[in-house]
Amino acid sequence: MEDILKEIQKLVLGVINAQKLTTVVYGTVLSANPLEIQIDQKLTLREEQLKLTRAVMDHEVEMSVNGGTNQIYKVHNALIQGDKVTMIRVHGGQQYLIIDKEVVE
């Protein structure tokens, strides 16, 4: 009976590992247009595999300074070649969400 339980355990672990649950991944921007990010020597992600958050895009925000009139400001945050990024590999490993740039000082 114990052998059967161990085999079931192995099968379940195999299924879980095969599904490639969400994982944090790090990469480097090789090209901004078209967007390409290298994870390691063997894997380069293409634009169609990548989803961006506002933290890594140019975007506009409406805000006021010291309670003054609301104005629209542009935040310059687009990815450039050489940026180090933090990503989340989405379930299944086919899509990656870029959540932020790494701070390099």
Protein backbone atom coordinates (compact mmCIF):
# COMPACT_ATOMS: atom_id res chain seq x y z
CA MET A 1 0.00 0.00 0.00
CA GLU A 2 2.87 2.38 0.82
CA ASP A 3 4.38 1.81 -2.63
CA ILE A 4 1.11 2.81 -4.29
CA LEU A 5 0.98 6.04 -2.25
CA LYS A 6 4.55 6.90 -3.23
CA GLU A 7 3.75 6.33 -6.90
CA ILE A 8 0.64 8.53 -6.68
CA GLN A 9 2.76 11.20 -4.99
CA LYS A 10 5.31 11.03 -7.83
CA LEU A 11 2.54 11.34 -10.42
CA VAL A 12 0.99 14.35 -8.69
CA LEU A 13 4.37 16.09 -8.36
CA GLY A 14 5.07 15.38 -12.03
CA VAL A 15 1.78 16.98 -13.08
CA ILE A 16 2.41 20.05 -10.90
CA ASN A 17 5.95 20.50 -12.24
CA ALA A 18 4.78 20.07 -15.83
CA GLN A 19 2.25 22.89 -15.42
CA LYS A 20 5.00 25.47 -14.75
CA LEU A 21 3.19 27.43 -12.09
CA THR A 22 3.90 31.16 -11.76
CA THR A 23 7.57 31.97 -11.15
CA VAL A 24 9.62 35.16 -10.76
CA VAL A 25 12.14 35.51 -13.60
CA TYR A 26 14.86 38.10 -14.34
CA GLY A 27 16.03 39.28 -17.73
CA THR A 28 17.84 41.94 -19.75
CA VAL A 29 16.32 44.04 -22.52
CA LEU A 30 18.15 43.25 -25.77
CA SER A 31 15.98 45.48 -27.94
CA ALA A 32 13.23 48.00 -27.17
CA ASN A 33 11.60 47.99 -30.62
CA PRO A 34 10.73 45.23 -31.26
CA LEU A 35 10.86 44.30 -27.60
CA GLU A 36 13.17 41.35 -26.87
CA ILE A 37 14.30 40.21 -23.43
CA GLN A 38 16.99 37.64 -22.75
CA ILE A 39 16.44 35.41 -19.73
CA ASP A 40 19.53 33.25 -20.15
CA GLN A 41 21.90 32.24 -22.95
CA LYS A 42 19.35 29.86 -24.44
CA LEU A 43 16.08 31.78 -24.03
CA THR A 44 15.13 35.12 -25.58
CA LEU A 45 11.54 36.32 -25.25
CA ARG A 46 9.81 38.11 -28.11
CA GLU A 47 7.25 40.91 -27.95
CA GLU A 48 4.27 38.58 -28.41
CA GLN A 49 5.25 36.67 -25.25
CA LEU A 50 5.50 39.81 -23.09
CA LYS A 51 2.90 41.85 -21.22
CA LEU A 52 3.85 45.24 -19.76
CA THR A 53 2.74 47.08 -16.64
CA ARG A 54 2.70 50.87 -16.35
CA ALA A 55 5.91 50.62 -14.33
CA VAL A 56 7.81 49.88 -17.56
CA MET A 57 5.92 52.09 -20.03
CA ASP A 58 5.67 55.76 -20.86
CA HIS A 59 2.26 56.93 -19.68
CA GLU A 60 0.36 60.03 -18.61
CA VAL A 61 -1.01 60.83 -15.17
CA GLU A 62 -3.31 63.60 -14.04
CA MET A 63 -2.19 65.24 -10.82
CA SER A 64 -1.90 68.50 -8.94
CA VAL A 65 1.03 69.98 -7.07
CA ASN A 66 0.37 71.49 -3.62
CA GLY A 67 -3.40 71.44 -4.18
CA GLY A 68 -3.20 73.45 -7.41
CA THR A 69 -5.02 72.85 -10.66
CA ASN A 70 -4.93 69.33 -12.06
CA GLN A 71 -2.48 68.94 -14.92
CA ILE A 72 -1.44 66.04 -17.10
CA TYR A 73 2.17 64.90 -16.79
CA LYS A 74 4.02 62.32 -18.84
CA VAL A 75 5.98 59.66 -16.95
CA HIS A 76 8.98 58.48 -18.99
CA ASN A 77 9.46 54.87 -17.96
CA ALA A 78 9.78 52.96 -21.25
CA LEU A 79 12.20 50.07 -21.44
CA ILE A 80 15.54 50.68 -23.13
CA GLN A 81 18.30 48.34 -24.25
CA GLY A 82 20.29 47.10 -21.27
CA ASP A 83 17.52 47.51 -18.66
CA LYS A 84 17.35 44.69 -16.12
CA VAL A 85 13.74 43.62 -15.53
CA THR A 86 11.78 41.53 -13.08
CA MET A 87 9.03 39.39 -14.60
CA ILE A 88 6.43 36.86 -13.58
CA ARG A 89 6.16 33.80 -15.77
CA VAL A 90 2.46 33.15 -16.19
CA HIS A 91 1.01 29.68 -15.68
CA GLY A 92 2.14 27.46 -18.53
CA GLY A 93 5.29 29.44 -19.29
CA GLN A 94 4.15 30.98 -22.58
CA GLN A 95 3.53 34.55 -21.33
CA TYR A 96 5.62 36.81 -19.11
CA LEU A 97 4.42 39.91 -17.22
CA ILE A 98 7.14 42.55 -16.81
CA ILE A 99 6.44 44.05 -13.41
CA ASP A 100 9.36 46.44 -12.93
CA LYS A 101 12.89 47.50 -13.73
CA GLU A 102 15.72 46.65 -11.39
CA VAL A 103 17.36 49.63 -9.76
CA VAL A 104 20.97 49.89 -10.88
CA GLU A 105 23.04 52.54 -9.15
